[in-house]
């Protein structure tokens, strides 16, 4: 499981432990099957526990909660995810600088009537 998925899932479960797997899948924008796989993985690693908190006639609502190990993992994965996003941000800033240079040089390469600057 990727750090981004782990981070988002742990964050969501910490904030809203009562969500169904279907609701989790919708909120995260992933399939129900992937949601089930990720939840099982986090349970096997001891990061979350699941409790059936009431019995309804058609479905069994569950409560997902982070274990102490899950809280520690959330802190670690949050740090890694933040570091990754900061690196991605720096790469994007560099790409934007390069594109700005390229677009400034572009009018000089084109015939006079073929380009209007829109920036």
PDB file of N, CA and C in Angstrom:
ATOM      1  N   UNK A   1       0.849  -1.172   0.000  1.00  0.00           N
ATOM      2  CA  UNK A   1       0.000   0.000   0.000  1.00  0.00           C
ATOM      3  C   UNK A   1       0.896   1.236   0.000  1.00  0.00           C
ATOM      4  N   UNK A   2       0.561   2.232  -0.819  1.00  0.00           N
ATOM      5  CA  UNK A   2       1.341   3.454  -0.927  1.00  0.00           C
ATOM      6  C   UNK A   2       1.134   4.340   0.289  1.00  0.00           C
ATOM      7  N   UNK A   3       2.158   5.162   0.586  1.00  0.00           N
ATOM      8  CA  UNK A   3       2.064   6.083   1.711  1.00  0.00           C
ATOM      9  C   UNK A   3       0.860   7.010   1.587  1.00  0.00           C
ATOM     10  N   UNK A   4       0.569   7.474   0.380  1.00  0.00           N
ATOM     11  CA  UNK A   4      -0.555   8.395   0.206  1.00  0.00           C
ATOM     12  C   UNK A   4      -1.872   7.729   0.616  1.00  0.00           C
ATOM     13  N   UNK A   5      -2.071   6.498   0.181  1.00  0.00           N
ATOM     14  CA  UNK A   5      -3.293   5.766   0.526  1.00  0.00           C
ATOM     15  C   UNK A   5      -3.352   5.497   2.029  1.00  0.00           C
ATOM     16  N   UNK A   6      -2.227   5.058   2.582  1.00  0.00           N
ATOM     17  CA  UNK A   6      -2.173   4.785   4.020  1.00  0.00           C
ATOM     18  C   UNK A   6      -2.464   6.052   4.806  1.00  0.00           C
ATOM     19  N   UNK A   7      -1.813   7.147   4.426  1.00  0.00           N
ATOM     20  CA  UNK A   7      -2.019   8.425   5.115  1.00  0.00           C
ATOM     21  C   UNK A   7      -3.488   8.841   5.078  1.00  0.00           C
ATOM     22  N   UNK A   8      -4.065   8.847   3.885  1.00  0.00           N
ATOM     23  CA  UNK A   8      -5.451   9.295   3.741  1.00  0.00           C
ATOM     24  C   UNK A   8      -6.417   8.386   4.499  1.00  0.00           C
ATOM     25  N   UNK A   9      -6.175   7.085   4.458  1.00  0.00           N
ATOM     26  CA  UNK A   9      -7.060   6.142   5.134  1.00  0.00           C
ATOM     27  C   UNK A   9      -6.969   6.288   6.650  1.00  0.00           C
ATOM     28  N   UNK A  10      -5.757   6.349   7.188  1.00  0.00           N
ATOM     29  CA  UNK A  10      -5.606   6.514   8.631  1.00  0.00           C
ATOM     30  C   UNK A  10      -6.182   7.842   9.102  1.00  0.00           C
ATOM     31  N   UNK A  11      -5.968   8.885   8.325  1.00  0.00           N
ATOM     32  CA  UNK A  11      -6.513  10.204   8.674  1.00  0.00           C
ATOM     33  C   UNK A  11      -8.046  10.161   8.693  1.00  0.00           C
ATOM     34  N   UNK A  12      -8.629   9.535   7.668  1.00  0.00           N
ATOM     35  CA  UNK A  12     -10.078   9.439   7.575  1.00  0.00           C
ATOM     36  C   UNK A  12     -10.660   8.615   8.722  1.00  0.00           C
ATOM     37  N   UNK A  13     -10.037   7.482   9.013  1.00  0.00           N
ATOM     38  CA  UNK A  13     -10.544   6.618  10.089  1.00  0.00           C
ATOM     39  C   UNK A  13     -10.405   7.279  11.452  1.00  0.00           C
ATOM     40  N   UNK A  14      -9.353   8.049  11.642  1.00  0.00           N
ATOM     41  CA  UNK A  14      -9.181   8.746  12.909  1.00  0.00           C
ATOM     42  C   UNK A  14     -10.275   9.798  13.094  1.00  0.00           C
ATOM     43  N   UNK A  15     -10.621  10.483  12.008  1.00  0.00           N
ATOM     44  CA  UNK A  15     -11.636  11.537  12.075  1.00  0.00           C
ATOM     45  C   UNK A  15     -13.056  10.982  12.098  1.00  0.00           C
ATOM     46  N   UNK A  16     -13.290   9.904  11.330  1.00  0.00           N
ATOM     47  CA  UNK A  16     -14.648   9.366  11.204  1.00  0.00           C
ATOM     48  C   UNK A  16     -14.625   7.833  11.270  1.00  0.00           C
ATOM     49  N   UNK A  17     -14.456   7.278  12.445  1.00  0.00           N
ATOM     50  CA  UNK A  17     -14.309   5.825  12.585  1.00  0.00           C
ATOM     51  C   UNK A  17     -15.566   5.023  12.279  1.00  0.00           C
ATOM     52  N   UNK A  18     -16.702   5.678  12.165  1.00  0.00           N
ATOM     53  CA  UNK A  18     -17.978   4.984  11.967  1.00  0.00           C
ATOM     54  C   UNK A  18     -18.316   4.737  10.494  1.00  0.00           C
ATOM     55  N   UNK A  19     -17.511   5.227   9.567  1.00  0.00           N
ATOM     56  CA  UNK A  19     -17.833   5.104   8.142  1.00  0.00           C
ATOM     57  C   UNK A  19     -17.863   3.648   7.694  1.00  0.00           C
ATOM     58  N   UNK A  20     -18.745   3.356   6.761  1.00  0.00           N
ATOM     59  CA  UNK A  20     -18.779   2.025   6.160  1.00  0.00           C
ATOM     60  C   UNK A  20     -17.670   1.931   5.114  1.00  0.00           C
ATOM     61  N   UNK A  21     -17.369   0.714   4.684  1.00  0.00           N
ATOM     62  CA  UNK A  21     -16.363   0.543   3.647  1.00  0.00           C
ATOM     63  C   UNK A  21     -16.772   1.266   2.366  1.00  0.00           C
ATOM     64  N   UNK A  22     -18.033   1.234   2.043  1.00  0.00           N
ATOM     65  CA  UNK A  22     -18.529   1.927   0.849  1.00  0.00           C
ATOM     66  C   UNK A  22     -18.303   3.433   0.966  1.00  0.00           C
ATOM     67  N   UNK A  23     -18.590   3.997   2.138  1.00  0.00           N
ATOM     68  CA  UNK A  23     -18.387   5.430   2.355  1.00  0.00           C
ATOM     69  C   UNK A  23     -16.897   5.793   2.317  1.00  0.00           C
ATOM     70  N   UNK A  24     -16.067   4.929   2.881  1.00  0.00           N
ATOM     71  CA  UNK A  24     -14.620   5.139   2.849  1.00  0.00           C
ATOM     72  C   UNK A  24     -14.137   5.151   1.401  1.00  0.00           C
ATOM     73  N   UNK A  25     -14.584   4.174   0.621  1.00  0.00           N
ATOM     74  CA  UNK A  25     -14.197   4.078  -0.789  1.00  0.00           C
ATOM     75  C   UNK A  25     -14.593   5.346  -1.544  1.00  0.00           C
ATOM     76  N   UNK A  26     -15.806   5.814  -1.320  1.00  0.00           N
ATOM     77  CA  UNK A  26     -16.280   7.018  -2.009  1.00  0.00           C
ATOM     78  C   UNK A  26     -15.468   8.238  -1.603  1.00  0.00           C
ATOM     79  N   UNK A  27     -15.213   8.401  -0.322  1.00  0.00           N
ATOM     80  CA  UNK A  27     -14.461   9.562   0.165  1.00  0.00           C
ATOM     81  C   UNK A  27     -13.032   9.568  -0.364  1.00  0.00           C
ATOM     82  N   UNK A  28     -12.449   8.386  -0.486  1.00  0.00           N
ATOM     83  CA  UNK A  28     -11.060   8.300  -0.932  1.00  0.00           C
ATOM     84  C   UNK A  28     -10.926   8.213  -2.448  1.00  0.00           C
ATOM     85  N   UNK A  29     -12.032   7.953  -3.129  1.00  0.00           N
ATOM     86  CA  UNK A  29     -11.979   7.833  -4.579  1.00  0.00           C
ATOM     87  C   UNK A  29     -11.310   6.557  -5.051  1.00  0.00           C
ATOM     88  N   UNK A  30     -11.498   5.482  -4.291  1.00  0.00           N
ATOM     89  CA  UNK A  30     -10.936   4.184  -4.665  1.00  0.00           C
ATOM     90  C   UNK A  30     -12.059   3.152  -4.686  1.00  0.00           C
ATOM     91  N   UNK A  31     -11.762   1.992  -5.247  1.00  0.00           N
ATOM     92  CA  UNK A  31     -12.784   0.955  -5.348  1.00  0.00           C
ATOM     93  C   UNK A  31     -13.071   0.344  -3.979  1.00  0.00           C
ATOM     94  N   UNK A  32     -14.226  -0.281  -3.872  1.00  0.00           N
ATOM     95  CA  UNK A  32     -14.615  -0.965  -2.654  1.00  0.00           C
ATOM     96  C   UNK A  32     -13.660  -2.128  -2.365  1.00  0.00           C
ATOM     97  N   UNK A  33     -13.242  -2.826  -3.415  1.00  0.00           N
ATOM     98  CA  UNK A  33     -12.290  -3.926  -3.253  1.00  0.00           C
ATOM     99  C   UNK A  33     -10.957  -3.454  -2.704  1.00  0.00           C
ATOM    100  N   UNK A  34     -10.455  -2.326  -3.217  1.00  0.00           N
ATOM    101  CA  UNK A  34      -9.190  -1.781  -2.717  1.00  0.00           C
ATOM    102  C   UNK A  34      -9.355  -1.330  -1.275  1.00  0.00           C
ATOM    103  N   UNK A  35     -10.503  -0.745  -0.968  1.00  0.00           N
ATOM    104  CA  UNK A  35     -10.772  -0.319   0.410  1.00  0.00           C
ATOM    105  C   UNK A  35     -10.713  -1.511   1.342  1.00  0.00           C
ATOM    106  N   UNK A  36     -11.372  -2.593   0.981  1.00  0.00           N
ATOM    107  CA  UNK A  36     -11.384  -3.801   1.791  1.00  0.00           C
ATOM    108  C   UNK A  36      -9.962  -4.334   1.965  1.00  0.00           C
ATOM    109  N   UNK A  37      -9.201  -4.376   0.878  1.00  0.00           N
ATOM    110  CA  UNK A  37      -7.809  -4.854   0.916  1.00  0.00           C
ATOM    111  C   UNK A  37      -6.975  -3.995   1.873  1.00  0.00           C
ATOM    112  N   UNK A  38      -7.100  -2.675   1.756  1.00  0.00           N
ATOM    113  CA  UNK A  38      -6.322  -1.757   2.590  1.00  0.00           C
ATOM    114  C   UNK A  38      -6.692  -1.883   4.068  1.00  0.00           C
ATOM    115  N   UNK A  39      -7.981  -1.985   4.350  1.00  0.00           N
ATOM    116  CA  UNK A  39      -8.410  -2.139   5.735  1.00  0.00           C
ATOM    117  C   UNK A  39      -7.877  -3.446   6.328  1.00  0.00           C
ATOM    118  N   UNK A  40      -7.959  -4.528   5.568  1.00  0.00           N
ATOM    119  CA  UNK A  40      -7.438  -5.817   6.055  1.00  0.00           C
ATOM    120  C   UNK A  40      -5.938  -5.726   6.306  1.00  0.00           C
ATOM    121  N   UNK A  41      -5.224  -5.055   5.414  1.00  0.00           N
ATOM    122  CA  UNK A  41      -3.784  -4.890   5.569  1.00  0.00           C
ATOM    123  C   UNK A  41      -3.452  -4.123   6.845  1.00  0.00           C
ATOM    124  N   UNK A  42      -4.182  -3.035   7.092  1.00  0.00           N
ATOM    125  CA  UNK A  42      -3.946  -2.250   8.305  1.00  0.00           C
ATOM    126  C   UNK A  42      -4.300  -3.039   9.560  1.00  0.00           C
ATOM    127  N   UNK A  43      -5.333  -3.891   9.481  1.00  0.00           N
ATOM    128  CA  UNK A  43      -5.699  -4.734  10.619  1.00  0.00           C
ATOM    129  C   UNK A  43      -4.612  -5.774  10.885  1.00  0.00           C
ATOM    130  N   UNK A  44      -4.116  -6.414   9.809  1.00  0.00           N
ATOM    131  CA  UNK A  44      -3.079  -7.443   9.958  1.00  0.00           C
ATOM    132  C   UNK A  44      -1.802  -6.870  10.561  1.00  0.00           C
ATOM    133  N   UNK A  45      -1.500  -5.613  10.246  1.00  0.00           N
ATOM    134  CA  UNK A  45      -0.305  -4.965  10.782  1.00  0.00           C
ATOM    135  C   UNK A  45      -0.526  -4.441  12.196  1.00  0.00           C
ATOM    136  N   UNK A  46      -1.762  -4.493  12.671  1.00  0.00           N
ATOM    137  CA  UNK A  46      -2.070  -4.045  14.022  1.00  0.00           C
ATOM    138  C   UNK A  46      -2.255  -2.543  14.148  1.00  0.00           C
ATOM    139  N   UNK A  47      -2.509  -1.862  13.017  1.00  0.00           N
ATOM    140  CA  UNK A  47      -2.657  -0.401  13.038  1.00  0.00           C
ATOM    141  C   UNK A  47      -4.090   0.043  13.305  1.00  0.00           C
ATOM    142  N   UNK A  48      -5.047  -0.807  12.965  1.00  0.00           N
ATOM    143  CA  UNK A  48      -6.447  -0.495  13.270  1.00  0.00           C
ATOM    144  C   UNK A  48      -7.114  -1.738  13.847  1.00  0.00           C
ATOM    145  N   UNK A  49      -8.177  -1.492  14.599  1.00  0.00           N
ATOM    146  CA  UNK A  49      -9.039  -2.561  15.079  1.00  0.00           C
ATOM    147  C   UNK A  49     -10.449  -2.231  14.642  1.00  0.00           C
ATOM    148  N   UNK A  50     -11.249  -3.267  14.525  1.00  0.00           N
ATOM    149  CA  UNK A  50     -12.626  -3.101  14.081  1.00  0.00           C
ATOM    150  C   UNK A  50     -13.540  -3.650  15.156  1.00  0.00           C
ATOM    151  N   UNK A  51     -14.573  -2.898  15.430  1.00  0.00           N
ATOM    152  CA  UNK A  51     -15.547  -3.334  16.422  1.00  0.00           C
ATOM    153  C   UNK A  51     -16.944  -3.212  15.810  1.00  0.00           C
ATOM    154  N   UNK A  52     -17.717  -4.255  15.947  1.00  0.00           N
ATOM    155  CA  UNK A  52     -19.117  -4.223  15.529  1.00  0.00           C
ATOM    156  C   UNK A  52     -19.866  -3.545  16.658  1.00  0.00           C
ATOM    157  N   UNK A  53     -20.401  -2.326  16.404  1.00  0.00           N
ATOM    158  CA  UNK A  53     -20.989  -1.579  17.510  1.00  0.00           C
ATOM    159  C   UNK A  53     -22.493  -1.689  17.627  1.00  0.00           C
ATOM    160  N   UNK A  54     -23.178  -2.236  16.649  1.00  0.00           N
ATOM    161  CA  UNK A  54     -24.610  -2.538  16.813  1.00  0.00           C
ATOM    162  C   UNK A  54     -25.030  -3.468  15.688  1.00  0.00           C
ATOM    163  N   UNK A  55     -26.101  -4.132  15.915  1.00  0.00           N
ATOM    164  CA  UNK A  55     -26.590  -5.049  14.885  1.00  0.00           C
ATOM    165  C   UNK A  55     -27.862  -4.472  14.288  1.00  0.00           C
ATOM    166  N   UNK A  56     -27.790  -4.152  13.029  1.00  0.00           N
ATOM    167  CA  UNK A  56     -28.957  -3.662  12.301  1.00  0.00           C
ATOM    168  C   UNK A  56     -29.547  -4.829  11.531  1.00  0.00           C
ATOM    169  N   UNK A  57     -30.729  -4.660  11.047  1.00  0.00           N
ATOM    170  CA  UNK A  57     -31.400  -5.771  10.381  1.00  0.00           C
ATOM    171  C   UNK A  57     -30.757  -6.136   9.047  1.00  0.00           C
ATOM    172  N   UNK A  58     -30.231  -5.144   8.305  1.00  0.00           N
ATOM    173  CA  UNK A  58     -29.711  -5.444   6.969  1.00  0.00           C
ATOM    174  C   UNK A  58     -28.193  -5.339   6.862  1.00  0.00           C
ATOM    175  N   UNK A  59     -27.547  -4.653   7.782  1.00  0.00           N
ATOM    176  CA  UNK A  59     -26.096  -4.557   7.725  1.00  0.00           C
ATOM    177  C   UNK A  59     -25.544  -4.417   9.129  1.00  0.00           C
ATOM    178  N   UNK A  60     -24.266  -4.670   9.257  1.00  0.00           N
ATOM    179  CA  UNK A  60     -23.619  -4.565  10.558  1.00  0.00           C
ATOM    180  C   UNK A  60     -22.665  -3.371  10.550  1.00  0.00           C
ATOM    181  N   UNK A  61     -23.017  -2.300  11.201  1.00  0.00           N
ATOM    182  CA  UNK A  61     -22.110  -1.154  11.255  1.00  0.00           C
ATOM    183  C   UNK A  61     -20.855  -1.484  12.062  1.00  0.00           C
ATOM    184  N   UNK A  62     -19.740  -0.996  11.600  1.00  0.00           N
ATOM    185  CA  UNK A  62     -18.469  -1.215  12.269  1.00  0.00           C
ATOM    186  C   UNK A  62     -17.875   0.109  12.696  1.00  0.00           C
ATOM    187  N   UNK A  63     -17.007   0.021  13.689  1.00  0.00           N
ATOM    188  CA  UNK A  63     -16.262   1.164  14.161  1.00  0.00           C
ATOM    189  C   UNK A  63     -14.789   0.832  13.967  1.00  0.00           C
ATOM    190  N   UNK A  64     -14.101   1.628  13.177  1.00  0.00           N
ATOM    191  CA  UNK A  64     -12.676   1.424  12.927  1.00  0.00           C
ATOM    192  C   UNK A  64     -11.913   2.389  13.820  1.00  0.00           C
ATOM    193  N   UNK A  65     -10.977   1.891  14.586  1.00  0.00           N
ATOM    194  CA  UNK A  65     -10.215   2.814  15.410  1.00  0.00           C
ATOM    195  C   UNK A  65      -8.731   2.477  15.342  1.00  0.00           C
ATOM    196  N   UNK A  66      -7.918   3.520  15.452  1.00  0.00           N
ATOM    197  CA  UNK A  66      -6.476   3.371  15.393  1.00  0.00           C
ATOM    198  C   UNK A  66      -5.963   2.833  16.725  1.00  0.00           C
ATOM    199  N   UNK A  67      -5.068   1.886  16.635  1.00  0.00           N
ATOM    200  CA  UNK A  67      -4.391   1.359  17.810  1.00  0.00           C
ATOM    201  C   UNK A  67      -3.227   2.300  18.131  1.00  0.00           C
ATOM    202  N   UNK A  68      -2.580   2.133  19.276  1.00  0.00           N
ATOM    203  CA  UNK A  68      -1.382   2.935  19.544  1.00  0.00           C
ATOM    204  C   UNK A  68      -0.334   2.795  18.428  1.00  0.00           C
ATOM    205  N   UNK A  69      -0.173   1.571  17.918  1.00  0.00           N
ATOM    206  CA  UNK A  69       0.755   1.359  16.796  1.00  0.00           C
ATOM    207  C   UNK A  69       0.265   2.089  15.549  1.00  0.00           C
ATOM    208  N   UNK A  70      -1.046   2.148  15.358  1.00  0.00           N
ATOM    209  CA  UNK A  70      -1.622   2.863  14.223  1.00  0.00           C
ATOM    210  C   UNK A  70      -1.391   4.356  14.318  1.00  0.00           C
ATOM    211  N   UNK A  71      -1.470   4.888  15.521  1.00  0.00           N
ATOM    212  CA  UNK A  71      -1.208   6.314  15.721  1.00  0.00           C
ATOM    213  C   UNK A  71       0.251   6.625  15.412  1.00  0.00           C
ATOM    214  N   UNK A  72       1.156   5.757  15.850  1.00  0.00           N
ATOM    215  CA  UNK A  72       2.576   5.926  15.529  1.00  0.00           C
ATOM    216  C   UNK A  72       2.813   5.823  14.025  1.00  0.00           C
ATOM    217  N   UNK A  73       2.183   4.849  13.389  1.00  0.00           N
ATOM    218  CA  UNK A  73       2.343   4.678  11.937  1.00  0.00           C
ATOM    219  C   UNK A  73       1.799   5.892  11.200  1.00  0.00           C
ATOM    220  N   UNK A  74       0.683   6.432  11.660  1.00  0.00           N
ATOM    221  CA  UNK A  74       0.113   7.625  11.031  1.00  0.00           C
ATOM    222  C   UNK A  74       1.111   8.778  11.096  1.00  0.00           C
ATOM    223  N   UNK A  75       1.783   8.940  12.222  1.00  0.00           N
ATOM    224  CA  UNK A  75       2.792  10.002  12.354  1.00  0.00           C
ATOM    225  C   UNK A  75       3.947   9.771  11.378  1.00  0.00           C
ATOM    226  N   UNK A  76       4.414   8.524  11.284  1.00  0.00           N
ATOM    227  CA  UNK A  76       5.523   8.217  10.363  1.00  0.00           C
ATOM    228  C   UNK A  76       5.122   8.444   8.912  1.00  0.00           C
ATOM    229  N   UNK A  77       3.955   7.934   8.535  1.00  0.00           N
ATOM    230  CA  UNK A  77       3.518   8.041   7.147  1.00  0.00           C
ATOM    231  C   UNK A  77       3.191   9.498   6.797  1.00  0.00           C
ATOM    232  N   UNK A  78       2.697  10.260   7.771  1.00  0.00           N
ATOM    233  CA  UNK A  78       2.431  11.678   7.533  1.00  0.00           C
ATOM    234  C   UNK A  78       3.738  12.403   7.233  1.00  0.00           C
ATOM    235  N   UNK A  79       4.765  12.115   7.989  1.00  0.00           N
ATOM    236  CA  UNK A  79       6.074  12.734   7.754  1.00  0.00           C
ATOM    237  C   UNK A  79       6.609  12.363   6.363  1.00  0.00           C
ATOM    238  N   UNK A  80       6.546  11.074   6.014  1.00  0.00           N
ATOM    239  CA  UNK A  80       7.041  10.644   4.687  1.00  0.00           C
ATOM    240  C   UNK A  80       6.234  11.276   3.569  1.00  0.00           C
ATOM    241  N   UNK A  81       4.913  11.328   3.741  1.00  0.00           N
ATOM    242  CA  UNK A  81       4.037  11.898   2.724  1.00  0.00           C
ATOM    243  C   UNK A  81       4.308  13.397   2.568  1.00  0.00           C
ATOM    244  N   UNK A  82       4.496  14.104   3.668  1.00  0.00           N
ATOM    245  CA  UNK A  82       4.820  15.525   3.617  1.00  0.00           C
ATOM    246  C   UNK A  82       6.139  15.746   2.898  1.00  0.00           C
ATOM    247  N   UNK A  83       7.139  14.959   3.216  1.00  0.00           N
ATOM    248  CA  UNK A  83       8.450  15.076   2.549  1.00  0.00           C
ATOM    249  C   UNK A  83       8.320  14.833   1.048  1.00  0.00           C
ATOM    250  N   UNK A  84       7.551  13.822   0.667  1.00  0.00           N
ATOM    251  CA  UNK A  84       7.318  13.528  -0.742  1.00  0.00           C
ATOM    252  C   UNK A  84       6.626  14.702  -1.435  1.00  0.00           C
ATOM    253  N   UNK A  85       5.580  15.254  -0.805  1.00  0.00           N
ATOM    254  CA  UNK A  85       4.835  16.369  -1.401  1.00  0.00           C
ATOM    255  C   UNK A  85       5.706  17.616  -1.523  1.00  0.00           C
ATOM    256  N   UNK A  86       6.606  17.843  -0.563  1.00  0.00           N
ATOM    257  CA  UNK A  86       7.504  18.989  -0.648  1.00  0.00           C
ATOM    258  C   UNK A  86       8.485  18.823  -1.807  1.00  0.00           C
ATOM    259  N   UNK A  87       8.982  17.617  -2.011  1.00  0.00           N
ATOM    260  CA  UNK A  87       9.861  17.348  -3.149  1.00  0.00           C
ATOM    261  C   UNK A  87       9.113  17.533  -4.463  1.00  0.00           C
ATOM    262  N   UNK A  88       7.881  17.054  -4.506  1.00  0.00           N
ATOM    263  CA  UNK A  88       7.046  17.223  -5.697  1.00  0.00           C
ATOM    264  C   UNK A  88       6.810  18.712  -5.970  1.00  0.00           C
ATOM    265  N   UNK A  89       6.563  19.487  -4.935  1.00  0.00           N
ATOM    266  CA  UNK A  89       6.353  20.925  -5.055  1.00  0.00           C
ATOM    267  C   UNK A  89       7.612  21.598  -5.626  1.00  0.00           C
ATOM    268  N   UNK A  90       8.781  21.219  -5.136  1.00  0.00           N
ATOM    269  CA  UNK A  90      10.029  21.805  -5.650  1.00  0.00           C
ATOM    270  C   UNK A  90      10.239  21.445  -7.118  1.00  0.00           C
ATOM    271  N   UNK A  91       9.908  20.201  -7.500  1.00  0.00           N
ATOM    272  CA  UNK A  91      10.030  19.800  -8.915  1.00  0.00           C
ATOM    273  C   UNK A  91       9.075  20.618  -9.783  1.00  0.00           C
ATOM    274  N   UNK A  92       7.853  20.830  -9.291  1.00  0.00           N
ATOM    275  CA  UNK A  92       6.881  21.624 -10.053  1.00  0.00           C
ATOM    276  C   UNK A  92       7.323  23.078 -10.190  1.00  0.00           C
ATOM    277  N   UNK A  93       7.882  23.641  -9.128  1.00  0.00           N
ATOM    278  CA  UNK A  93       8.384  25.016  -9.212  1.00  0.00           C
ATOM    279  C   UNK A  93       9.479  25.129 -10.270  1.00  0.00           C
ATOM    280  N   UNK A  94      10.374  24.149 -10.310  1.00  0.00           N
ATOM    281  CA  UNK A  94      11.450  24.157 -11.309  1.00  0.00           C
ATOM    282  C   UNK A  94      10.870  24.025 -12.718  1.00  0.00           C
ATOM    283  N   UNK A  95       9.905  23.155 -12.894  1.00  0.00           N
ATOM    284  CA  UNK A  95       9.270  22.982 -14.201  1.00  0.00           C
ATOM    285  C   UNK A  95       8.566  24.266 -14.635  1.00  0.00           C
ATOM    286  N   UNK A  96       7.928  24.946 -13.719  1.00  0.00           N
ATOM    287  CA  UNK A  96       7.254  26.218 -14.033  1.00  0.00           C
ATOM    288  C   UNK A  96       8.278  27.263 -14.458  1.00  0.00           C
ATOM    289  N   UNK A  97       9.406  27.339 -13.746  1.00  0.00           N
ATOM    290  CA  UNK A  97      10.463  28.296 -14.132  1.00  0.00           C
ATOM    291  C   UNK A  97      10.963  28.013 -15.544  1.00  0.00           C
ATOM    292  N   UNK A  98      11.169  26.740 -15.848  1.00  0.00           N
ATOM    293  CA  UNK A  98      11.638  26.361 -17.183  1.00  0.00           C
ATOM    294  C   UNK A  98      10.606  26.710 -18.255  1.00  0.00           C
ATOM    295  N   UNK A  99       9.337  26.474 -17.964  1.00  0.00           N
ATOM    296  CA  UNK A  99       8.285  26.817 -18.923  1.00  0.00           C
ATOM    297  C   UNK A  99       8.174  28.328 -19.119  1.00  0.00           C
ATOM    298  N   UNK A 100       8.365  29.087 -18.054  1.00  0.00           N
ATOM    299  CA  UNK A 100       8.340  30.548 -18.181  1.00  0.00           C
ATOM    300  C   UNK A 100       9.450  31.046 -19.099  1.00  0.00           C
ATOM    301  N   UNK A 101      10.649  30.489 -18.937  1.00  0.00           N
ATOM    302  CA  UNK A 101      11.765  30.851 -19.807  1.00  0.00           C
ATOM    303  C   UNK A 101      11.443  30.472 -21.246  1.00  0.00           C
ATOM    304  N   UNK A 102      10.937  29.269 -21.427  1.00  0.00           N
ATOM    305  CA  UNK A 102      10.600  28.787 -22.771  1.00  0.00           C
ATOM    306  C   UNK A 102       9.556  29.671 -23.435  1.00  0.00           C
ATOM    307  N   UNK A 103       8.526  30.077 -22.699  1.00  0.00           N
ATOM    308  CA  UNK A 103       7.475  30.895 -23.306  1.00  0.00           C
ATOM    309  C   UNK A 103       7.960  32.314 -23.595  1.00  0.00           C
ATOM    310  N   UNK A 104       8.922  32.829 -22.810  1.00  0.00           N
ATOM    311  CA  UNK A 104       9.490  34.151 -23.110  1.00  0.00           C
ATOM    312  C   UNK A 104      10.305  34.114 -24.391  1.00  0.00           C
ATOM    313  N   UNK A 105      10.962  32.974 -24.638  1.00  0.00           N
ATOM    314  CA  UNK A 105      11.791  32.841 -25.841  1.00  0.00           C
ATOM    315  C   UNK A 105      10.968  32.496 -27.070  1.00  0.00           C
ATOM    316  N   UNK A 106       9.775  31.985 -26.888  1.00  0.00           N
ATOM    317  CA  UNK A 106       8.939  31.516 -27.985  1.00  0.00           C
ATOM    318  C   UNK A 106       8.609  32.590 -29.024  1.00  0.00           C
ATOM    319  N   UNK A 107       8.175  33.795 -28.649  1.00  0.00           N
ATOM    320  CA  UNK A 107       7.829  34.797 -29.666  1.00  0.00           C
ATOM    321  C   UNK A 107       8.984  35.125 -30.610  1.00  0.00           C
ATOM    322  N   UNK A 108      10.210  35.061 -30.139  1.00  0.00           N
ATOM    323  CA  UNK A 108      11.362  35.347 -30.989  1.00  0.00           C
ATOM    324  C   UNK A 108      11.551  34.296 -32.070  1.00  0.00           C
ATOM    325  N   UNK A 109      11.068  33.101 -31.839  1.00  0.00           N
ATOM    326  CA  UNK A 109      11.227  32.001 -32.793  1.00  0.00           C
ATOM    327  C   UNK A 109      10.101  31.940 -33.820  1.00  0.00           C
ATOM    328  N   UNK A 110       8.989  32.616 -33.568  1.00  0.00           N
ATOM    329  CA  UNK A 110       7.823  32.537 -34.441  1.00  0.00           C
ATOM    330  C   UNK A 110       7.753  33.737 -35.383  1.00  0.00           C
ATOM    331  N   UNK A 111       7.096  33.562 -36.534  1.00  0.00           N
ATOM    332  CA  UNK A 111       6.855  34.711 -37.404  1.00  0.00           C
ATOM    333  C   UNK A 111       6.051  35.767 -36.661  1.00  0.00           C
ATOM    334  N   UNK A 112       6.218  36.993 -36.979  1.00  0.00           N
ATOM    335  CA  UNK A 112       5.604  38.112 -36.264  1.00  0.00           C
ATOM    336  C   UNK A 112       4.092  38.016 -36.171  1.00  0.00           C
ATOM    337  N   UNK A 113       3.407  37.500 -37.161  1.00  0.00           N
ATOM    338  CA  UNK A 113       1.948  37.464 -37.131  1.00  0.00           C
ATOM    339  C   UNK A 113       1.369  36.201 -36.514  1.00  0.00           C
ATOM    340  N   UNK A 114       2.197  35.239 -36.122  1.00  0.00           N
ATOM    341  CA  UNK A 114       1.680  33.941 -35.690  1.00  0.00           C
ATOM    342  C   UNK A 114       1.523  33.730 -34.210  1.00  0.00           C
ATOM    343  N   UNK A 115       1.821  34.727 -33.379  1.00  0.00           N
ATOM    344  CA  UNK A 115       1.773  34.461 -31.927  1.00  0.00           C
ATOM    345  C   UNK A 115       1.361  35.715 -31.180  1.00  0.00           C
ATOM    346  N   UNK A 116       0.416  35.559 -30.309  1.00  0.00           N
ATOM    347  CA  UNK A 116       0.033  36.646 -29.400  1.00  0.00           C
ATOM    348  C   UNK A 116       0.193  36.134 -27.990  1.00  0.00           C
ATOM    349  N   UNK A 117       0.864  36.905 -27.175  1.00  0.00           N
ATOM    350  CA  UNK A 117       1.082  36.497 -25.792  1.00  0.00           C
ATOM    351  C   UNK A 117      -0.196  36.708 -24.999  1.00  0.00           C
ATOM    352  N   UNK A 118      -0.627  35.685 -24.280  1.00  0.00           N
ATOM    353  CA  UNK A 118      -1.867  35.779 -23.516  1.00  0.00           C
ATOM    354  C   UNK A 118      -1.614  35.886 -22.029  1.00  0.00           C
ATOM    355  N   UNK A 119      -0.373  35.889 -21.618  1.00  0.00           N
ATOM    356  CA  UNK A 119      -0.059  35.959 -20.183  1.00  0.00           C
ATOM    357  C   UNK A 119       0.146  37.384 -19.755  1.00  0.00           C
TER     358      UNK A 119
END
